Amino acid sequence: MSAPKKAPPAPISELGEAIKNSPALDVIRKQVNNLPISADAKALVMKIAQVSVRVGERVIRIGRLILGFVLDLANRYPNTAFALILTIVVTTLIGFIPWVGPFLAGFFGPLLGVLTLIVGGISDMRARALLTRTSAQQAALEAQTELLDKLASAEKSGLLDRLPELTRLFDATERDVVLAGGAKNVG
């Protein structure tokens, strides 16, 4: 008699979900092909995407998971990604200084990394806030444009010429409803 199977712990099931939702190789290839890097670098990145690991009976495409995560972060937070790249380049250049470079890179690299992450993060937050405000303004402008289009079509049909008559008719109807007791406070 076999013991009933227990549900896997939460982190393992979350890992399973991440593995199932890993981006397809074609999606990663399209994103990599749009990157402004050389063809050799693109080929190297695609080799990383094809890396897989066998765990028990399952094959995990770890390269796709990693590249999907990195590309997603770079798309969501471009300023922070640039800041990290800048940190790596500057720290490497500092490390090439003869005799003291490795010590200075070890000291200034983490400090520079924190500083550039903060600046990049703030820039990304400001850009996101600006995008949100711009989207709200665009929605308001679209609503105003739609209203103007309706007014223009009403003017073409001659409905605006009858506006004073329609307003009097509406006011009279509203007054009749109030007098008949139809307008009651709800709440």
C-alpha atoms as a PDB file:
ATOM      1  CA  MET A   1       0.000   0.000   0.000  1.00  0.00           C
ATOM      2  CA  SER A   2       1.510   3.338  -1.026  1.00  0.00           C
ATOM      3  CA  ALA A   3       1.313   6.488   1.026  1.00  0.00           C
ATOM      4  CA  PRO A   4      -0.725   9.346  -0.433  1.00  0.00           C
ATOM      5  CA  LYS A   5       1.326  11.970  -2.221  1.00  0.00           C
ATOM      6  CA  LYS A   6       1.780  15.250  -0.418  1.00  0.00           C
ATOM      7  CA  ALA A   7       1.414  18.544  -2.226  1.00  0.00           C
ATOM      8  CA  PRO A   8       4.800  20.013  -3.091  1.00  0.00           C
ATOM      9  CA  PRO A   9       5.944  22.975  -1.036  1.00  0.00           C
ATOM     10  CA  ALA A  10       4.959  26.392  -2.397  1.00  0.00           C
ATOM     11  CA  PRO A  11       8.388  27.382  -3.796  1.00  0.00           C
ATOM     12  CA  ILE A  12       8.598  24.188  -5.860  1.00  0.00           C
ATOM     13  CA  SER A  13       5.104  24.661  -7.280  1.00  0.00           C
ATOM     14  CA  GLU A  14       5.955  28.304  -8.074  1.00  0.00           C
ATOM     15  CA  LEU A  15       9.076  27.092  -9.861  1.00  0.00           C
ATOM     16  CA  GLY A  16       6.904  24.686 -11.832  1.00  0.00           C
ATOM     17  CA  GLU A  17       4.650  27.553 -12.871  1.00  0.00           C
ATOM     18  CA  ALA A  18       7.673  29.628 -13.915  1.00  0.00           C
ATOM     19  CA  ILE A  19       8.984  26.700 -15.965  1.00  0.00           C
ATOM     20  CA  LYS A  20       5.614  26.235 -17.676  1.00  0.00           C
ATOM     21  CA  ASN A  21       5.383  29.961 -18.422  1.00  0.00           C
ATOM     22  CA  SER A  22       8.908  30.330 -19.787  1.00  0.00           C
ATOM     23  CA  PRO A  23       8.910  32.234 -23.073  1.00  0.00           C
ATOM     24  CA  ALA A  24       9.114  30.305 -26.316  1.00  0.00           C
ATOM     25  CA  LEU A  25      12.408  30.258 -28.169  1.00  0.00           C
ATOM     26  CA  ASP A  26      10.866  32.160 -31.105  1.00  0.00           C
ATOM     27  CA  VAL A  27       9.759  34.983 -28.791  1.00  0.00           C
ATOM     28  CA  ILE A  28      13.247  35.256 -27.290  1.00  0.00           C
ATOM     29  CA  ARG A  29      14.815  35.128 -30.761  1.00  0.00           C
ATOM     30  CA  LYS A  30      12.645  38.066 -31.922  1.00  0.00           C
ATOM     31  CA  GLN A  31      13.586  40.111 -28.851  1.00  0.00           C
ATOM     32  CA  VAL A  32      17.292  39.298 -29.234  1.00  0.00           C
ATOM     33  CA  ASN A  33      17.225  40.151 -32.939  1.00  0.00           C
ATOM     34  CA  ASN A  34      15.855  43.605 -32.046  1.00  0.00           C
ATOM     35  CA  LEU A  35      18.743  44.311 -29.666  1.00  0.00           C
ATOM     36  CA  PRO A  36      21.353  46.817 -30.887  1.00  0.00           C
ATOM     37  CA  ILE A  37      24.280  44.394 -30.562  1.00  0.00           C
ATOM     38  CA  SER A  38      26.522  42.600 -33.038  1.00  0.00           C
ATOM     39  CA  ALA A  39      25.532  39.357 -34.738  1.00  0.00           C
ATOM     40  CA  ASP A  40      28.204  37.477 -32.767  1.00  0.00           C
ATOM     41  CA  ALA A  41      26.760  38.719 -29.480  1.00  0.00           C
ATOM     42  CA  LYS A  42      23.255  37.761 -30.629  1.00  0.00           C
ATOM     43  CA  ALA A  43      24.481  34.247 -31.466  1.00  0.00           C
ATOM     44  CA  LEU A  44      26.075  33.961 -28.012  1.00  0.00           C
ATOM     45  CA  VAL A  45      22.877  35.121 -26.315  1.00  0.00           C
ATOM     46  CA  MET A  46      20.856  32.573 -28.308  1.00  0.00           C
ATOM     47  CA  LYS A  47      23.250  29.827 -27.153  1.00  0.00           C
ATOM     48  CA  ILE A  48      22.408  30.823 -23.588  1.00  0.00           C
ATOM     49  CA  ALA A  49      18.702  30.571 -24.452  1.00  0.00           C
ATOM     50  CA  GLN A  50      19.199  26.977 -25.596  1.00  0.00           C
ATOM     51  CA  VAL A  51      20.787  25.798 -22.332  1.00  0.00           C
ATOM     52  CA  SER A  52      18.711  23.182 -20.560  1.00  0.00           C
ATOM     53  CA  VAL A  53      19.213  21.102 -17.421  1.00  0.00           C
ATOM     54  CA  ARG A  54      17.860  17.657 -16.634  1.00  0.00           C
ATOM     55  CA  VAL A  55      16.413  17.308 -13.143  1.00  0.00           C
ATOM     56  CA  GLY A  56      15.154  13.814 -12.488  1.00  0.00           C
ATOM     57  CA  GLU A  57      12.786  13.042 -15.329  1.00  0.00           C
ATOM     58  CA  ARG A  58      12.180  16.680 -16.244  1.00  0.00           C
ATOM     59  CA  VAL A  59      14.111  18.884 -18.618  1.00  0.00           C
ATOM     60  CA  ILE A  60      14.247  22.500 -17.508  1.00  0.00           C
ATOM     61  CA  ARG A  61      15.064  25.101 -20.131  1.00  0.00           C
ATOM     62  CA  ILE A  62      16.965  27.318 -17.728  1.00  0.00           C
ATOM     63  CA  GLY A  63      18.434  29.502 -20.473  1.00  0.00           C
ATOM     64  CA  ARG A  64      14.966  30.591 -21.596  1.00  0.00           C
ATOM     65  CA  LEU A  65      13.962  31.360 -18.019  1.00  0.00           C
ATOM     66  CA  ILE A  66      17.033  33.492 -17.395  1.00  0.00           C
ATOM     67  CA  LEU A  67      16.883  35.364 -20.708  1.00  0.00           C
ATOM     68  CA  GLY A  68      13.146  35.893 -20.432  1.00  0.00           C
ATOM     69  CA  PHE A  69      13.650  37.394 -16.976  1.00  0.00           C
ATOM     70  CA  VAL A  70      16.544  39.605 -18.088  1.00  0.00           C
ATOM     71  CA  LEU A  71      14.784  40.862 -21.227  1.00  0.00           C
ATOM     72  CA  ASP A  72      11.614  41.556 -19.253  1.00  0.00           C
ATOM     73  CA  LEU A  73      13.558  43.586 -16.681  1.00  0.00           C
ATOM     74  CA  ALA A  74      15.382  45.508 -19.409  1.00  0.00           C
ATOM     75  CA  ASN A  75      12.064  46.358 -21.093  1.00  0.00           C
ATOM     76  CA  ARG A  76      10.367  47.400 -17.859  1.00  0.00           C
ATOM     77  CA  TYR A  77      13.285  49.325 -16.360  1.00  0.00           C
ATOM     78  CA  PRO A  78      15.521  50.582 -19.188  1.00  0.00           C
ATOM     79  CA  ASN A  79      17.255  53.297 -17.148  1.00  0.00           C
ATOM     80  CA  THR A  80      18.137  50.867 -14.371  1.00  0.00           C
ATOM     81  CA  ALA A  81      19.474  48.360 -16.920  1.00  0.00           C
ATOM     82  CA  PHE A  82      21.631  51.089 -18.456  1.00  0.00           C
ATOM     83  CA  ALA A  83      22.862  52.063 -14.979  1.00  0.00           C
ATOM     84  CA  LEU A  84      23.927  48.475 -14.263  1.00  0.00           C
ATOM     85  CA  ILE A  85      25.773  48.236 -17.571  1.00  0.00           C
ATOM     86  CA  LEU A  86      27.480  51.554 -16.862  1.00  0.00           C
ATOM     87  CA  THR A  87      28.536  50.279 -13.425  1.00  0.00           C
ATOM     88  CA  ILE A  88      30.034  47.120 -14.888  1.00  0.00           C
ATOM     89  CA  VAL A  89      31.964  49.034 -17.552  1.00  0.00           C
ATOM     90  CA  VAL A  90      33.325  51.682 -15.173  1.00  0.00           C
ATOM     91  CA  THR A  91      34.259  49.126 -12.506  1.00  0.00           C
ATOM     92  CA  THR A  92      36.069  47.036 -15.117  1.00  0.00           C
ATOM     93  CA  LEU A  93      37.969  50.083 -16.373  1.00  0.00           C
ATOM     94  CA  ILE A  94      38.945  50.997 -12.803  1.00  0.00           C
ATOM     95  CA  GLY A  95      40.139  47.427 -12.323  1.00  0.00           C
ATOM     96  CA  PHE A  96      42.611  47.834 -15.199  1.00  0.00           C
ATOM     97  CA  ILE A  97      44.552  50.574 -13.409  1.00  0.00           C
ATOM     98  CA  PRO A  98      47.965  49.109 -12.641  1.00  0.00           C
ATOM     99  CA  TRP A  99      48.730  48.076  -9.036  1.00  0.00           C
ATOM    100  CA  VAL A 100      45.759  49.745  -7.303  1.00  0.00           C
ATOM    101  CA  GLY A 101      42.997  49.027  -9.821  1.00  0.00           C
ATOM    102  CA  PRO A 102      41.732  45.766  -8.344  1.00  0.00           C
ATOM    103  CA  PHE A 103      41.548  47.291  -4.855  1.00  0.00           C
ATOM    104  CA  LEU A 104      39.803  50.435  -6.096  1.00  0.00           C
ATOM    105  CA  ALA A 105      37.378  48.393  -8.201  1.00  0.00           C
ATOM    106  CA  GLY A 106      36.560  46.222  -5.197  1.00  0.00           C
ATOM    107  CA  PHE A 107      35.852  49.310  -3.106  1.00  0.00           C
ATOM    108  CA  PHE A 108      34.215  51.670  -5.617  1.00  0.00           C
ATOM    109  CA  GLY A 109      32.368  49.029  -7.665  1.00  0.00           C
ATOM    110  CA  PRO A 110      29.657  48.281  -5.081  1.00  0.00           C
ATOM    111  CA  LEU A 111      29.305  51.969  -4.183  1.00  0.00           C
ATOM    112  CA  LEU A 112      28.973  52.914  -7.827  1.00  0.00           C
ATOM    113  CA  GLY A 113      26.508  50.070  -8.320  1.00  0.00           C
ATOM    114  CA  VAL A 114      24.244  51.268  -5.505  1.00  0.00           C
ATOM    115  CA  LEU A 115      24.431  54.861  -6.693  1.00  0.00           C
ATOM    116  CA  THR A 116      23.628  54.049 -10.322  1.00  0.00           C
ATOM    117  CA  LEU A 117      20.813  51.673  -9.294  1.00  0.00           C
ATOM    118  CA  ILE A 118      19.228  54.439  -7.229  1.00  0.00           C
ATOM    119  CA  VAL A 119      19.546  57.018 -10.013  1.00  0.00           C
ATOM    120  CA  GLY A 120      18.305  54.559 -12.660  1.00  0.00           C
ATOM    121  CA  GLY A 121      15.401  53.444 -10.468  1.00  0.00           C
ATOM    122  CA  ILE A 122      14.337  57.022  -9.804  1.00  0.00           C
ATOM    123  CA  SER A 123      14.521  57.781 -13.530  1.00  0.00           C
ATOM    124  CA  ASP A 124      12.367  54.730 -14.316  1.00  0.00           C
ATOM    125  CA  MET A 125       9.799  55.719 -11.676  1.00  0.00           C
ATOM    126  CA  ARG A 126       9.615  59.259 -13.078  1.00  0.00           C
ATOM    127  CA  ALA A 127       9.255  57.925 -16.612  1.00  0.00           C
ATOM    128  CA  ARG A 128       6.463  55.576 -15.503  1.00  0.00           C
ATOM    129  CA  ALA A 129       4.663  58.427 -13.682  1.00  0.00           C
ATOM    130  CA  LEU A 130       4.996  60.615 -16.774  1.00  0.00           C
ATOM    131  CA  LEU A 131       3.638  57.806 -18.939  1.00  0.00           C
ATOM    132  CA  THR A 132       0.652  57.421 -16.594  1.00  0.00           C
ATOM    133  CA  ARG A 133      -0.102  61.153 -16.711  1.00  0.00           C
ATOM    134  CA  THR A 134       0.321  61.208 -20.483  1.00  0.00           C
ATOM    135  CA  SER A 135      -2.058  58.248 -20.841  1.00  0.00           C
ATOM    136  CA  ALA A 136      -4.685  60.017 -18.708  1.00  0.00           C
ATOM    137  CA  GLN A 137      -4.345  63.184 -20.780  1.00  0.00           C
ATOM    138  CA  GLN A 138      -4.584  61.167 -23.978  1.00  0.00           C
ATOM    139  CA  ALA A 139      -7.805  59.508 -22.754  1.00  0.00           C
ATOM    140  CA  ALA A 140      -9.298  62.923 -21.898  1.00  0.00           C
ATOM    141  CA  LEU A 141      -8.298  64.277 -25.313  1.00  0.00           C
ATOM    142  CA  GLU A 142      -9.875  61.273 -27.054  1.00  0.00           C
ATOM    143  CA  ALA A 143     -13.113  61.819 -25.093  1.00  0.00           C
ATOM    144  CA  GLN A 144     -13.147  65.496 -26.071  1.00  0.00           C
ATOM    145  CA  THR A 145     -12.499  64.601 -29.711  1.00  0.00           C
ATOM    146  CA  GLU A 146     -15.378  62.122 -29.643  1.00  0.00           C
ATOM    147  CA  LEU A 147     -17.674  64.766 -28.150  1.00  0.00           C
ATOM    148  CA  LEU A 148     -16.642  67.269 -30.818  1.00  0.00           C
ATOM    149  CA  ASP A 149     -17.304  64.672 -33.526  1.00  0.00           C
ATOM    150  CA  LYS A 150     -20.799  64.079 -32.106  1.00  0.00           C
ATOM    151  CA  LEU A 151     -21.443  67.816 -31.974  1.00  0.00           C
ATOM    152  CA  ALA A 152     -20.298  68.189 -35.573  1.00  0.00           C
ATOM    153  CA  SER A 153     -22.614  65.405 -36.722  1.00  0.00           C
ATOM    154  CA  ALA A 154     -25.477  66.938 -34.700  1.00  0.00           C
ATOM    155  CA  GLU A 155     -24.806  70.289 -36.354  1.00  0.00           C
ATOM    156  CA  LYS A 156     -24.881  68.680 -39.805  1.00  0.00           C
ATOM    157  CA  SER A 157     -28.220  67.036 -39.061  1.00  0.00           C
ATOM    158  CA  GLY A 158     -29.737  70.346 -37.903  1.00  0.00           C
ATOM    159  CA  LEU A 159     -30.168  69.136 -34.334  1.00  0.00           C
ATOM    160  CA  LEU A 160     -28.293  72.116 -32.883  1.00  0.00           C
ATOM    161  CA  ASP A 161     -30.796  74.506 -34.456  1.00  0.00           C
ATOM    162  CA  ARG A 162     -33.467  72.838 -32.352  1.00  0.00           C
ATOM    163  CA  LEU A 163     -31.326  72.938 -29.151  1.00  0.00           C
ATOM    164  CA  PRO A 164     -33.332  75.705 -27.386  1.00  0.00           C
ATOM    165  CA  GLU A 165     -36.576  73.861 -28.155  1.00  0.00           C
ATOM    166  CA  LEU A 166     -35.129  70.557 -26.922  1.00  0.00           C
ATOM    167  CA  THR A 167     -33.820  72.209 -23.754  1.00  0.00           C
ATOM    168  CA  ARG A 168     -37.281  73.673 -22.963  1.00  0.00           C
ATOM    169  CA  LEU A 169     -38.834  70.269 -23.639  1.00  0.00           C
ATOM    170  CA  PHE A 170     -36.308  68.557 -21.357  1.00  0.00           C
ATOM    171  CA  ASP A 171     -36.852  71.123 -18.575  1.00  0.00           C
ATOM    172  CA  ALA A 172     -40.619  70.728 -18.843  1.00  0.00           C
ATOM    173  CA  THR A 173     -40.329  66.927 -18.685  1.00  0.00           C
ATOM    174  CA  GLU A 174     -38.000  67.133 -15.684  1.00  0.00           C
ATOM    175  CA  ARG A 175     -40.388  69.556 -13.923  1.00  0.00           C
ATOM    176  CA  ASP A 176     -43.345  67.224 -14.582  1.00  0.00           C
ATOM    177  CA  VAL A 177     -41.430  64.281 -13.097  1.00  0.00           C
ATOM    178  CA  VAL A 178     -40.591  66.278  -9.964  1.00  0.00           C
ATOM    179  CA  LEU A 179     -44.178  67.472  -9.551  1.00  0.00           C
ATOM    180  CA  ALA A 180     -45.483  63.904  -9.960  1.00  0.00           C
ATOM    181  CA  GLY A 181     -43.183  62.736  -7.165  1.00  0.00           C
ATOM    182  CA  GLY A 182     -41.003  60.678  -9.469  1.00  0.00           C
ATOM    183  CA  ALA A 183     -37.748  62.204  -8.302  1.00  0.00           C
ATOM    184  CA  LYS A 184     -37.067  60.849  -4.852  1.00  0.00           C
ATOM    185  CA  ASN A 185     -33.832  60.800  -2.936  1.00  0.00           C
ATOM    186  CA  VAL A 186     -32.428  57.323  -2.873  1.00  0.00           C
ATOM    187  CA  GLY A 187     -29.978  56.622  -0.124  1.00  0.00           C
END
